[in-house]
Structures are given as C-alpha cells and as structure tokens.
Amino acid sequence: MNQHISNEPNRKAFLILQPFLLQEVREFFDRMQQILRIRVQPVKLIMRVLILASAILFAIVSCSKDDDSESNYASIVIKGSISGTDLKNTGLKSTNSLSLSDAKKVLVFNSTGYKLFNIEGNSFTANATSGTATALAFLDAENRYIGCLCSGGLNVLPLVSLKDGDNTVIDLSTLTLDGTSVIPANNPIGNSIILNEEEIAWYKELGVYYESLSKNIDADNDGVPDLLTKRDFNISTLFIITNGSWGLNNSPPQVNNTTDFFINYTLRIAGGKSLIPSNSTIVVAGPEASPHNDIKQMSYTTGPDCFIAFFLREAPPPPGCPFGMALLPFGKGKYTVTLDAKNYTLNYSNISAEYFLILAEPTIHTNDANEIISVSIEYKNMEHALVTAENYVYQTQVSLEGNQRLCSMGALWENPEAKTNTDLYNFTLPDPVPLSDLKMITVSYVDLIGNSYNINYFQ
C-alpha cells in the first residue's frame, strides 16, 4: 500500500478541471463513524474521521456549462479547413460511418465548459481559453460525433508555451479523418505550441489519460456528445496523504520521510444537470477486464447543475500506515456507472500521483493572543527543494479542522472564466481562530489535469 513517489522535473502542463466547492461538513462528522462501522483506537479514530472528512469536504455549486459569457482569460484562435477525403481507416468507426465532409460544427471543450462553432463552407474559426487543455470534436448537422482532433500524438491542444503568447493563432490547415482521429496537415505541437522533446514525450506518457477523457464524450452511447444535453460525466482521482506536522511561526513544518509515503485513493464522479438521479444511490462496476468486488459509494451530494459522488475500496491498514484505514487504487479501464437503472460507460485512467504530487507545506502564523491569523504554504519536491507551484497546481485550498470546521480559505475547481482564487501561497483567516482548537490542517490542491490532492498535517 505504501508507494514511493519520485519527483518529476518542473513542467508547464495543462488544465482539465471540474468545478468543486464545500458543503455539509458537520453532518459528515456526525455520521462518519456509523457509516464506516469500524472500531479503532481513539487517536486513530479521530485521524480517520478527520482524514475522510477532508476527502469529502467538497460539494458542488456549479459544473460544466455552456460558456456564453465573456471570458476574463485570453482567447486563442484556432482555425482549419475540412478535407473532402478521408485517410485509410484504422478500424475505428465514427457514428453511422460519417465522413469528415459531413462535419458542420466544431465542439471546443474542456471539462469546465464548451462552445460550438459552425463550419462555414469547408472552414472554421474557433476560440479557446489560454492555459487550458482544449479538445476539438467534429459533429454533423444533427450533433452526431465524427471524430476528435489528434495532433502530434496528442488528442488535446495544450494551450501553454504559445509561440506568440496570447496573440497566437493556431492554424491547423487541412484536416483529414483517420478512423475517429482528425489529423491536421499543420501540426501545431512544436510550432505554435512550443514544447521541447522531453515535454512532448511526457505529454505522450499522459496520452492514455486524455484518450480516456475523449472516449467519455459520449457515455450514454447515443452518438451525441453528452455536453450538449447536460449529460456529461467527469471522472478523476483524489489522492489522500498524511505528511507530518504543520509549522508554527518561525518553526518549519516537520514532514514525513518521502521515500516511504502511504497514499489513499478515492474515485470522484461528477455528472451534469440532466444526469442528477432521483435518489442518491449510484452503482459503479469495473474495470471491465478485471472487475473489483469491493467498490463502495462514500458520499453523494448535488448542486444547482450537477451531482458529485465519491467511491472507495477499503482494506485493513498495513503496518506503519498513518491512516486508520487503507483505501486502494482503482484499476484503469472501462467502468459501468448506473443511475436510475440506466447504464453509462466511463473510461478511467489511473494516472500515478508522481506526475503532479508536490509537498504543500503549511506554516501557521499567530498573534499575541495565540490565535491563528494566517497560513503560508511552501511547495517542495520529494527531495525537499522548493519548486514553482504553478508548474503543478491550478488552485489551492487550506482548511483548518477542530471538533468542527474552523475555517476554509481559497477555492478549488473554479471555472477558468470565473476564477476568483488565484493565490497559491498566502491565506489570511477572515477572523482569528484559537490555536488550541486546531486538530488538523488540510492543504488541498487541484493539479493541471484535474486530479486532486488532500495533504493532511497534525500537531
């Protein structure tokens, strides 16, 4: 269960996000012991409840949406033209054997929102938000799926490290269809999008992750992208880690030995407004090739336009485990998600934490009354060297826990167009909190591909 995490070099990566915020924490504390039905030593029980609470502190206020509002972020122009011929078919079939010449619309999306652009004649001009990973799906007049852009071996465009900054125009030139892959004559990777060989190789290592995301565009298998009918799913991993004790004023944090990390895993599934089930029971089965027999639903909640649920695979903790339980990883592959007696197919890629895990180490700052007034964060790699958080982290949230929630600062999974939480390093409490009330600090962050990390610190 313990997993050694080696540090990767700093890399400017890209962003796949899903909105995600806080709700119903106190009720969770009240019922967690009954839900888990476990007897452990008091200290372990407190740690167990606090850690599991931190894993489910997030509830939904908004989810993927059609972005009709003006973006506060720079918009990158993407253009291309449709070829009248297709390449030799690779064996994959687009819906109803459609060809690219049937394409009438381009769906530009990441997991926070989407836009539709018409193809006029044989050409299109689209816009996408700078700093995101953007996928392009080609649809016919009835919104039936034809294929997704695949450029330089990547099925998304990482809109980072752009040649002309936010003024970059990505000209794909002529596009042709190979199976369900739409291939541009002008590969922007290495041209408009400046990545070195190491970065390109690294993104290709993550290719299976983005391939899974692109396959989830039509989870109900009706031939129409789910985003268009608010029936879209998002599936990701929450990694839970205990990393020692917090720092206090001039005393630095005392962190665990990074060569022997224990990581707990939970699966997060969010669904669009039209998928909100009539009850809170969601069944997850898989992966198809080697199904787990121990998947349990951990939590469920709804927001105005989506639902979110967590799932776990619980096992007895191994010797030396700092948690009161072990939560096993989920295997990669195809899962069946059942809502209201209807089955949906979701592809999950269990990307290792090693790509984006860094140590977000908190230091508490107090006033003369021994009250907490702020928390500062330093980000370090597995060798304890300082790193640039922006190369790994999209947003950070700091939560102070006592017998109940004391304070939460920052936000996670905000839509890029409405992002309010931009500080990764310094968090000021709205009101001072007595230091004696504090039992645990959780530093949570969402990485640049949409997975999340809860790093817990105790006194």
Protein backbone atom coordinates (compact mmCIF):
# COMPACT_ATOMS: atom_id res chain seq x y z
CA MET A 1 0.00 0.00 0.00
CA ASN A 2 2.90 2.31 0.55
CA GLN A 3 4.15 3.90 -2.63
CA HIS A 4 7.38 5.73 -3.19
CA ILE A 5 6.84 8.90 -5.18
CA SER A 6 9.72 10.19 -7.24
CA ASN A 7 9.75 13.81 -8.28
CA GLU A 8 9.37 14.81 -11.92
CA PRO A 9 11.12 17.88 -13.40
CA ASN A 10 9.15 21.11 -13.45
CA ARG A 11 6.92 21.20 -16.47
CA LYS A 12 4.31 23.68 -17.59
CA ALA A 13 1.32 21.40 -18.05
CA PHE A 14 -2.27 21.95 -18.93
CA LEU A 15 -5.64 22.06 -17.34
CA ILE A 16 -8.65 19.80 -17.24
CA LEU A 17 -10.94 20.95 -14.47
CA GLN A 18 -14.33 20.43 -12.95
CA PRO A 19 -15.91 22.93 -10.51
CA PHE A 20 -15.91 21.70 -6.93
CA LEU A 21 -16.59 23.52 -3.59
CA LEU A 22 -17.63 23.00 0.07
CA GLN A 23 -20.83 21.86 1.83
CA GLU A 24 -22.40 19.67 4.58
CA VAL A 25 -19.18 19.03 6.51
CA ARG A 26 -20.62 19.00 10.02
CA GLU A 27 -23.23 16.39 9.11
CA PHE A 28 -20.44 14.24 7.75
CA PHE A 29 -18.51 14.38 11.02
CA ASP A 30 -21.66 13.30 12.88
CA ARG A 31 -22.33 10.22 10.77
CA MET A 32 -18.88 9.10 9.55
CA GLN A 33 -18.26 6.62 12.37
CA GLN A 34 -21.63 4.96 11.80
CA ILE A 35 -21.15 4.80 8.05
CA LEU A 36 -17.74 3.19 8.29
CA ARG A 37 -18.73 0.74 11.07
CA ILE A 38 -15.22 0.32 12.38
CA ARG A 39 -13.64 0.22 15.82
CA VAL A 40 -10.18 1.67 16.15
CA GLN A 41 -8.15 3.23 18.90
CA PRO A 42 -9.35 6.76 19.81
CA VAL A 43 -6.39 8.55 18.23
CA LYS A 44 -6.72 6.50 15.07
CA LEU A 45 -10.46 7.13 15.03
CA ILE A 46 -10.01 10.88 15.26
CA MET A 47 -7.41 10.77 12.50
CA ARG A 48 -9.60 8.51 10.39
CA VAL A 49 -12.67 10.72 10.69
CA LEU A 50 -10.72 13.91 10.05
CA ILE A 51 -8.95 12.49 7.01
CA LEU A 52 -12.11 11.05 5.50
CA ALA A 53 -13.90 14.30 6.21
CA SER A 54 -11.21 16.19 4.35
CA ALA A 55 -11.74 13.87 1.40
CA ILE A 56 -15.40 14.83 1.14
CA LEU A 57 -15.37 18.46 2.20
CA PHE A 58 -16.10 19.47 -1.34
CA ALA A 59 -19.66 19.78 -2.64
CA ILE A 60 -20.88 21.19 -5.88
CA VAL A 61 -22.04 24.70 -6.64
CA SER A 62 -21.60 24.51 -10.40
CA CYS A 63 -20.45 22.09 -13.08
CA SER A 64 -19.63 22.06 -16.78
CA LYS A 65 -21.63 24.59 -18.67
CA ASP A 66 -22.06 26.25 -22.00
CA ASP A 67 -19.83 29.27 -21.78
CA ASP A 68 -21.82 32.12 -23.27
CA SER A 69 -20.27 34.75 -21.02
CA GLU A 70 -17.29 36.84 -21.96
CA SER A 71 -14.12 35.27 -20.63
CA ASN A 72 -11.73 37.13 -18.34
CA TYR A 73 -8.96 34.99 -19.81
CA ALA A 74 -7.24 35.43 -23.14
CA SER A 75 -8.87 33.66 -26.08
CA ILE A 76 -6.72 31.73 -28.53
CA VAL A 77 -7.84 31.50 -32.16
CA ILE A 78 -7.90 28.02 -33.70
CA LYS A 79 -8.76 27.60 -37.36
CA GLY A 80 -8.73 24.96 -40.05
CA SER A 81 -10.42 23.58 -43.15
CA ILE A 82 -12.15 20.31 -43.91
CA SER A 83 -10.79 17.87 -46.47
CA GLY A 84 -13.17 16.11 -48.85
CA THR A 85 -11.30 12.83 -48.46
CA ASP A 86 -10.52 10.53 -45.54
CA LEU A 87 -7.36 8.60 -44.81
CA LYS A 88 -7.20 4.82 -44.77
CA ASN A 89 -9.47 3.66 -41.96
CA THR A 90 -7.73 2.28 -38.87
CA GLY A 91 -10.65 0.13 -37.81
CA LEU A 92 -12.39 2.66 -35.56
CA LYS A 93 -15.73 3.85 -36.89
CA SER A 94 -17.32 7.23 -36.38
CA THR A 95 -21.06 7.36 -35.83
CA ASN A 96 -23.06 5.87 -38.70
CA SER A 97 -19.85 5.77 -40.77
CA LEU A 98 -19.88 9.54 -41.15
CA SER A 99 -17.01 11.16 -43.01
CA LEU A 100 -15.32 14.44 -42.20
CA SER A 101 -17.07 16.05 -45.16
CA ASP A 102 -20.28 15.63 -43.11
CA ALA A 103 -18.91 17.89 -40.37
CA LYS A 104 -20.98 21.06 -39.81
CA LYS A 105 -19.89 22.02 -36.28
CA VAL A 106 -16.79 22.06 -34.10
CA LEU A 107 -17.26 21.43 -30.37
CA VAL A 108 -14.41 23.10 -28.45
CA PHE A 109 -14.33 21.94 -24.84
CA ASN A 110 -12.55 21.17 -21.63
CA SER A 111 -14.26 19.79 -18.55
CA THR A 112 -15.39 23.21 -17.29
CA GLY A 113 -17.34 24.25 -20.38
CA TYR A 114 -17.71 24.19 -24.12
CA LYS A 115 -18.50 26.26 -27.17
CA LEU A 116 -19.95 25.29 -30.54
CA PHE A 117 -18.65 26.84 -33.75
CA ASN A 118 -20.19 26.43 -37.18
CA ILE A 119 -18.20 25.21 -40.15
CA GLU A 120 -18.85 27.72 -42.95
CA GLY A 121 -18.23 26.18 -46.34
CA ASN A 122 -15.23 24.00 -45.55
CA SER A 123 -13.60 26.26 -42.97
CA PHE A 124 -13.99 27.18 -39.31
CA THR A 125 -12.55 29.66 -36.83
CA ALA A 126 -12.90 28.83 -33.14
CA ASN A 127 -11.71 30.28 -29.83
CA ALA A 128 -10.40 28.57 -26.70
CA THR A 129 -9.20 29.79 -23.31
CA SER A 130 -5.46 30.24 -22.92
CA GLY A 131 -3.85 28.00 -20.33
CA THR A 132 -6.28 25.11 -20.74
CA ALA A 133 -6.13 21.74 -22.44
CA THR A 134 -8.63 22.05 -25.27
CA ALA A 135 -10.23 19.22 -27.22
CA LEU A 136 -11.93 19.66 -30.60
CA ALA A 137 -14.75 17.31 -31.61
CA PHE A 138 -16.28 17.40 -35.07
CA LEU A 139 -20.04 16.91 -35.40
CA ASP A 140 -22.56 16.68 -38.21
CA ALA A 141 -25.66 18.89 -38.53
CA GLU A 142 -27.54 16.67 -36.04
CA ASN A 143 -24.69 16.82 -33.49
CA ARG A 144 -23.58 13.25 -34.21
CA TYR A 145 -19.98 12.57 -33.35
CA ILE A 146 -17.49 12.15 -36.21
CA GLY A 147 -14.10 12.38 -34.53
CA CYS A 148 -11.68 14.33 -32.32
CA LEU A 149 -8.59 16.30 -33.22
CA CYS A 150 -5.35 14.35 -32.80
CA SER A 151 -2.21 16.40 -33.27
CA GLY A 152 1.33 15.23 -32.75
CA GLY A 153 0.09 12.14 -30.94
CA LEU A 154 -1.98 14.22 -28.50
CA ASN A 155 -5.78 14.32 -28.51
CA VAL A 156 -5.90 17.73 -26.86
CA LEU A 157 -4.15 21.01 -27.56
CA PRO A 158 -2.19 22.19 -24.51
CA LEU A 159 -2.65 25.95 -24.85
CA VAL A 160 0.53 26.80 -22.93
CA SER A 161 4.01 27.91 -24.01
CA LEU A 162 2.45 29.59 -27.03
CA LYS A 163 4.73 31.00 -29.71
CA ASP A 164 3.17 34.47 -29.74
CA GLY A 165 1.72 34.34 -26.26
CA ASP A 166 -1.98 35.09 -26.03
CA ASN A 167 -1.86 36.51 -29.58
CA THR A 168 -1.04 33.11 -31.03
CA VAL A 169 -3.23 31.90 -33.90
CA ILE A 170 -3.24 28.12 -34.30
CA ASP A 171 -3.74 27.27 -37.96
CA LEU A 172 -4.40 23.56 -38.34
CA SER A 173 -4.65 23.90 -42.12
CA THR A 174 -6.39 20.99 -43.90
CA LEU A 175 -7.91 18.26 -41.74
CA THR A 176 -8.45 14.63 -42.69
CA LEU A 177 -10.17 11.76 -40.88
CA ASP A 178 -8.41 8.54 -39.87
CA GLY A 179 -10.93 6.35 -38.04
CA THR A 180 -12.14 8.76 -35.37
CA SER A 181 -8.92 10.80 -35.30
CA VAL A 182 -8.98 14.13 -37.10
CA ILE A 183 -5.44 14.80 -38.33
CA PRO A 184 -4.21 18.34 -39.15
CA ALA A 185 -1.86 18.97 -42.06
CA ASN A 186 -0.15 21.57 -39.87
CA ASN A 187 0.87 20.07 -36.55
CA PRO A 188 0.93 22.94 -34.02
CA ILE A 189 2.89 20.93 -31.43
CA GLY A 190 6.41 22.28 -31.65
CA ASN A 191 5.33 25.14 -33.90
CA SER A 192 2.58 27.32 -32.45
CA ILE A 193 2.79 25.42 -29.17
CA ILE A 194 6.43 25.38 -28.15
CA LEU A 195 7.30 22.22 -26.24
CA ASN A 196 10.69 20.58 -26.02
CA GLU A 197 11.25 16.90 -26.73
CA GLU A 198 11.12 15.97 -23.06
CA GLU A 199 7.80 17.78 -22.60
CA ILE A 200 6.31 16.21 -25.71
CA ALA A 201 7.42 12.76 -24.55
CA TRP A 202 5.93 13.45 -21.13
CA TYR A 203 2.60 14.53 -22.60
CA LYS A 204 2.57 11.37 -24.69
CA GLU A 205 3.04 9.36 -21.50
CA LEU A 206 -0.16 11.01 -20.32
CA GLY A 207 -1.81 10.26 -23.66
CA VAL A 208 -3.83 7.37 -22.23
CA TYR A 209 -5.35 9.78 -19.70
CA TYR A 210 -6.56 12.14 -22.40
CA GLU A 211 -7.64 9.24 -24.57
CA SER A 212 -9.93 8.18 -21.72
CA LEU A 213 -11.33 11.70 -21.47
CA SER A 214 -12.07 11.83 -25.18
CA LYS A 215 -13.82 8.44 -25.04
CA ASN A 216 -16.09 9.78 -22.29
CA ILE A 217 -17.55 12.40 -24.63
CA ASP A 218 -20.50 10.04 -25.25
CA ALA A 219 -21.00 7.99 -22.08
CA ASP A 220 -24.60 7.02 -22.92
CA ASN A 221 -23.53 5.81 -26.37
CA ASP A 222 -26.29 7.64 -28.25
CA GLY A 223 -23.95 9.21 -30.80
CA VAL A 224 -24.38 12.78 -29.45
CA PRO A 225 -21.75 14.47 -27.23
CA ASP A 226 -23.11 14.50 -23.69
CA LEU A 227 -22.04 18.10 -23.05
CA LEU A 228 -24.74 19.31 -25.42
CA THR A 229 -27.53 17.82 -23.33
CA LYS A 230 -26.07 18.42 -19.83
CA ARG A 231 -25.47 14.68 -19.53
CA ASP A 232 -21.69 14.82 -19.30
CA PHE A 233 -19.57 12.94 -16.77
CA ASN A 234 -16.23 13.75 -15.21
CA ILE A 235 -14.15 11.05 -13.54
CA SER A 236 -10.95 11.75 -11.60
CA THR A 237 -8.82 10.66 -8.65
CA LEU A 238 -8.48 12.17 -5.18
CA PHE A 239 -5.17 11.27 -3.50
CA ILE A 240 -5.10 11.49 0.32
CA ILE A 241 -1.76 11.85 2.07
CA THR A 242 -0.61 12.46 5.66
CA ASN A 243 2.64 14.41 5.70
CA GLY A 244 3.67 15.15 9.28
CA SER A 245 3.05 18.28 11.38
CA TRP A 246 2.47 21.91 10.49
CA GLY A 247 4.94 24.71 11.04
CA LEU A 248 4.32 27.43 13.63
CA ASN A 249 5.63 30.98 13.18
CA ASN A 250 9.43 30.58 12.98
CA SER A 251 9.39 26.78 13.35
CA PRO A 252 9.17 24.96 9.99
CA PRO A 253 6.85 22.01 9.27
CA GLN A 254 8.12 18.56 10.22
CA VAL A 255 7.36 16.32 7.25
CA ASN A 256 7.37 12.57 6.80
CA ASN A 257 10.02 10.54 5.03
CA THR A 258 9.15 10.89 1.35
CA THR A 259 10.79 7.58 0.46
CA ASP A 260 8.00 5.71 2.24
CA PHE A 261 4.76 7.55 1.52
CA PHE A 262 1.36 5.99 2.10
CA ILE A 263 -1.35 7.20 -0.28
CA ASN A 264 -5.08 6.61 -0.03
CA TYR A 265 -7.22 6.76 -3.17
CA THR A 266 -10.83 7.69 -3.86
CA LEU A 267 -12.70 7.92 -7.15
CA ARG A 268 -14.67 11.07 -7.89
CA ILE A 269 -17.52 11.05 -10.40
CA ALA A 270 -19.47 14.19 -11.27
CA GLY A 271 -22.42 14.36 -13.64
CA GLY A 272 -24.26 17.16 -15.43
CA LYS A 273 -27.65 18.58 -14.51
CA SER A 274 -29.66 16.22 -16.70
CA LEU A 275 -28.00 13.23 -15.02
CA ILE A 276 -28.97 14.06 -11.44
CA PRO A 277 -30.62 10.82 -10.27
CA SER A 278 -33.95 10.50 -8.48
CA ASN A 279 -32.14 9.05 -5.46
CA SER A 280 -28.62 9.22 -4.07
CA THR A 281 -27.62 5.65 -4.94
CA ILE A 282 -25.07 5.27 -7.72
CA VAL A 283 -23.56 1.92 -8.65
CA VAL A 284 -20.07 1.71 -10.13
CA ALA A 285 -18.76 -1.58 -11.55
CA GLY A 286 -15.46 -2.32 -13.24
CA PRO A 287 -12.97 -2.21 -14.67
CA GLU A 288 -14.35 -4.41 -17.42
CA ALA A 289 -11.25 -6.56 -17.83
CA SER A 290 -10.80 -7.32 -14.11
CA PRO A 291 -13.73 -6.07 -12.01
CA HIS A 292 -13.29 -5.03 -8.39
CA ASN A 293 -15.67 -6.65 -5.91
CA ASP A 294 -15.22 -4.06 -3.15
CA ILE A 295 -16.36 -0.70 -4.59
CA LYS A 296 -18.49 1.25 -2.13
CA GLN A 297 -20.17 4.61 -2.50
CA MET A 298 -18.63 7.00 0.01
CA SER A 299 -20.74 10.13 -0.45
CA TYR A 300 -23.22 11.90 -2.67
CA THR A 301 -24.42 15.48 -2.97
CA THR A 302 -25.99 17.77 -5.55
CA GLY A 303 -25.64 21.37 -6.60
CA PRO A 304 -27.67 23.63 -8.86
CA ASP A 305 -26.48 22.00 -12.06
CA CYS A 306 -24.69 18.75 -11.24
CA PHE A 307 -24.11 15.94 -8.76
CA ILE A 308 -20.91 14.58 -7.29
CA ALA A 309 -20.16 11.23 -5.68
CA PHE A 310 -17.07 9.60 -4.19
CA PHE A 311 -16.27 5.89 -4.19
CA LEU A 312 -13.72 3.88 -2.25
CA ARG A 313 -12.17 0.43 -1.93
CA GLU A 314 -11.43 -0.11 1.75
CA ALA A 315 -8.91 -2.58 3.15
CA PRO A 316 -7.23 -3.16 6.53
CA PRO A 317 -4.33 -0.75 7.05
CA PRO A 318 -0.88 -2.30 6.63
CA PRO A 319 1.81 -1.95 9.32
CA GLY A 320 3.09 1.59 9.59
CA CYS A 321 0.12 3.13 7.80
CA PRO A 322 -0.61 6.59 9.30
CA PHE A 323 -4.30 6.30 8.44
CA GLY A 324 -6.96 4.38 10.31
CA MET A 325 -7.75 2.61 7.05
CA ALA A 326 -6.32 1.82 3.62
CA LEU A 327 -8.15 2.96 0.51
CA LEU A 328 -6.96 1.01 -2.51
CA PRO A 329 -6.41 2.45 -6.00
CA PHE A 330 -8.91 1.80 -8.79
CA GLY A 331 -7.72 -0.10 -11.84
CA LYS A 332 -7.67 1.60 -15.21
CA GLY A 333 -10.20 0.64 -17.83
CA LYS A 334 -13.88 0.78 -18.66
CA TYR A 335 -16.42 1.20 -15.85
CA THR A 336 -20.20 0.98 -15.88
CA VAL A 337 -21.99 3.68 -13.89
CA THR A 338 -25.66 3.00 -13.16
CA LEU A 339 -28.06 5.87 -12.44
CA ASP A 340 -31.82 5.32 -12.19
CA ALA A 341 -31.46 1.84 -13.73
CA LYS A 342 -29.66 3.25 -16.80
CA ASN A 343 -26.08 2.24 -17.57
CA TYR A 344 -23.35 4.61 -18.74
CA THR A 345 -19.84 3.74 -19.89
CA LEU A 346 -16.90 5.68 -18.45
CA ASN A 347 -13.23 5.18 -19.24
CA TYR A 348 -10.84 5.77 -16.34
CA SER A 349 -7.10 6.19 -16.49
CA ASN A 350 -5.41 5.83 -13.10
CA ILE A 351 -2.58 8.27 -13.68
CA SER A 352 0.04 7.95 -10.94
CA ALA A 353 0.33 10.70 -8.35
CA GLU A 354 4.02 11.01 -9.24
CA TYR A 355 3.33 13.36 -12.14
CA PHE A 356 1.93 16.23 -10.08
CA LEU A 357 2.45 15.39 -6.41
CA ILE A 358 4.45 18.03 -4.57
CA LEU A 359 4.61 18.75 -0.85
CA ALA A 360 2.39 21.72 0.01
CA GLU A 361 3.77 22.50 3.48
CA PRO A 362 1.81 24.88 5.76
CA THR A 363 3.13 27.24 8.42
CA ILE A 364 0.69 28.81 10.89
CA HIS A 365 1.12 32.44 11.91
CA THR A 366 -0.39 33.61 15.21
CA ASN A 367 -0.98 36.90 17.01
CA ASP A 368 -0.14 37.84 20.61
CA ALA A 369 -3.33 36.11 21.80
CA ASN A 370 -2.09 32.80 20.35
CA GLU A 371 -4.78 32.93 17.67
CA ILE A 372 -4.24 31.81 14.09
CA ILE A 373 -4.35 34.79 11.72
CA SER A 374 -2.84 33.34 8.54
CA VAL A 375 -1.30 30.29 6.89
CA SER A 376 1.55 30.36 4.38
CA ILE A 377 2.40 27.49 2.02
CA GLU A 378 5.74 26.40 0.62
CA TYR A 379 5.83 23.87 -2.21
CA LYS A 380 8.66 21.36 -2.34
CA ASN A 381 9.57 18.30 -4.36
CA MET A 382 10.30 14.87 -2.96
CA GLU A 383 13.90 15.94 -2.30
CA HIS A 384 12.56 18.91 -0.25
CA ALA A 385 13.74 21.52 -2.76
CA LEU A 386 11.46 24.48 -3.43
CA VAL A 387 9.52 24.28 -6.69
CA THR A 388 7.31 26.66 -8.67
CA ALA A 389 3.77 25.71 -7.71
CA GLU A 390 2.30 26.96 -10.97
CA ASN A 391 4.03 24.12 -12.81
CA TYR A 392 1.90 21.63 -10.89
CA VAL A 393 -1.04 23.39 -9.24
CA TYR A 394 -4.15 25.14 -10.57
CA GLN A 395 -5.79 26.12 -7.28
CA THR A 396 -5.13 25.59 -3.57
CA GLN A 397 -7.45 25.49 -0.59
CA VAL A 398 -6.48 25.46 3.09
CA SER A 399 -8.88 24.02 5.68
CA LEU A 400 -8.49 24.19 9.46
CA GLU A 401 -10.23 21.41 11.37
CA GLY A 402 -11.08 21.07 15.05
CA ASN A 403 -14.07 19.35 16.54
CA GLN A 404 -15.80 21.01 13.60
CA ARG A 405 -14.73 23.05 10.60
CA LEU A 406 -12.86 26.11 11.91
CA CYS A 407 -12.08 27.89 8.68
CA SER A 408 -11.62 27.30 4.97
CA MET A 409 -9.68 29.60 2.67
CA GLY A 410 -9.37 29.50 -1.09
CA ALA A 411 -11.39 27.51 -3.59
CA LEU A 412 -10.99 24.55 -5.93
CA TRP A 413 -12.14 23.69 -9.44
CA GLU A 414 -13.46 27.09 -10.32
CA ASN A 415 -14.27 27.67 -13.97
CA PRO A 416 -11.28 29.42 -15.63
CA GLU A 417 -13.59 32.22 -16.80
CA ALA A 418 -14.78 32.89 -13.24
CA LYS A 419 -11.65 32.09 -11.27
CA THR A 420 -11.50 34.10 -8.04
CA ASN A 421 -8.93 32.15 -6.05
CA THR A 422 -5.54 32.90 -7.58
CA ASP A 423 -3.28 32.82 -4.51
CA LEU A 424 -1.36 29.60 -4.01
CA TYR A 425 0.91 30.75 -1.21
CA ASN A 426 -0.68 33.01 1.42
CA PHE A 427 -4.07 32.63 3.10
CA THR A 428 -5.46 35.07 5.67
CA LEU A 429 -8.25 34.00 8.01
CA PRO A 430 -11.38 36.18 7.94
CA ASP A 431 -11.40 36.02 11.76
CA PRO A 432 -8.72 34.76 14.18
CA VAL A 433 -9.10 31.19 15.46
CA PRO A 434 -7.64 29.95 18.77
CA LEU A 435 -4.63 27.74 18.08
CA SER A 436 -5.77 25.40 20.85
CA ASP A 437 -8.87 24.48 18.80
CA LEU A 438 -6.85 23.19 15.86
CA LYS A 439 -6.50 19.43 15.32
CA MET A 440 -5.61 19.14 11.61
CA ILE A 441 -4.73 21.28 8.61
CA THR A 442 -5.58 20.02 5.13
CA VAL A 443 -3.87 21.64 2.16
CA SER A 444 -5.86 20.64 -0.93
CA TYR A 445 -4.95 21.38 -4.49
CA VAL A 446 -6.17 20.52 -7.96
CA ASP A 447 -3.41 19.70 -10.40
CA LEU A 448 -3.18 20.72 -14.02
CA ILE A 449 -5.06 17.72 -15.37
CA GLY A 450 -7.94 17.77 -12.89
CA ASN A 451 -6.93 15.25 -10.22
CA SER A 452 -6.86 16.47 -6.62
CA TYR A 453 -4.72 16.00 -3.50
CA ASN A 454 -5.55 16.30 0.20
CA ILE A 455 -2.34 16.62 2.21
CA ASN A 456 -3.05 16.40 5.94
CA TYR A 457 -0.94 17.78 8.78
CA PHE A 458 -1.37 17.19 12.51
CA GLN A 459 0.22 18.83 15.55
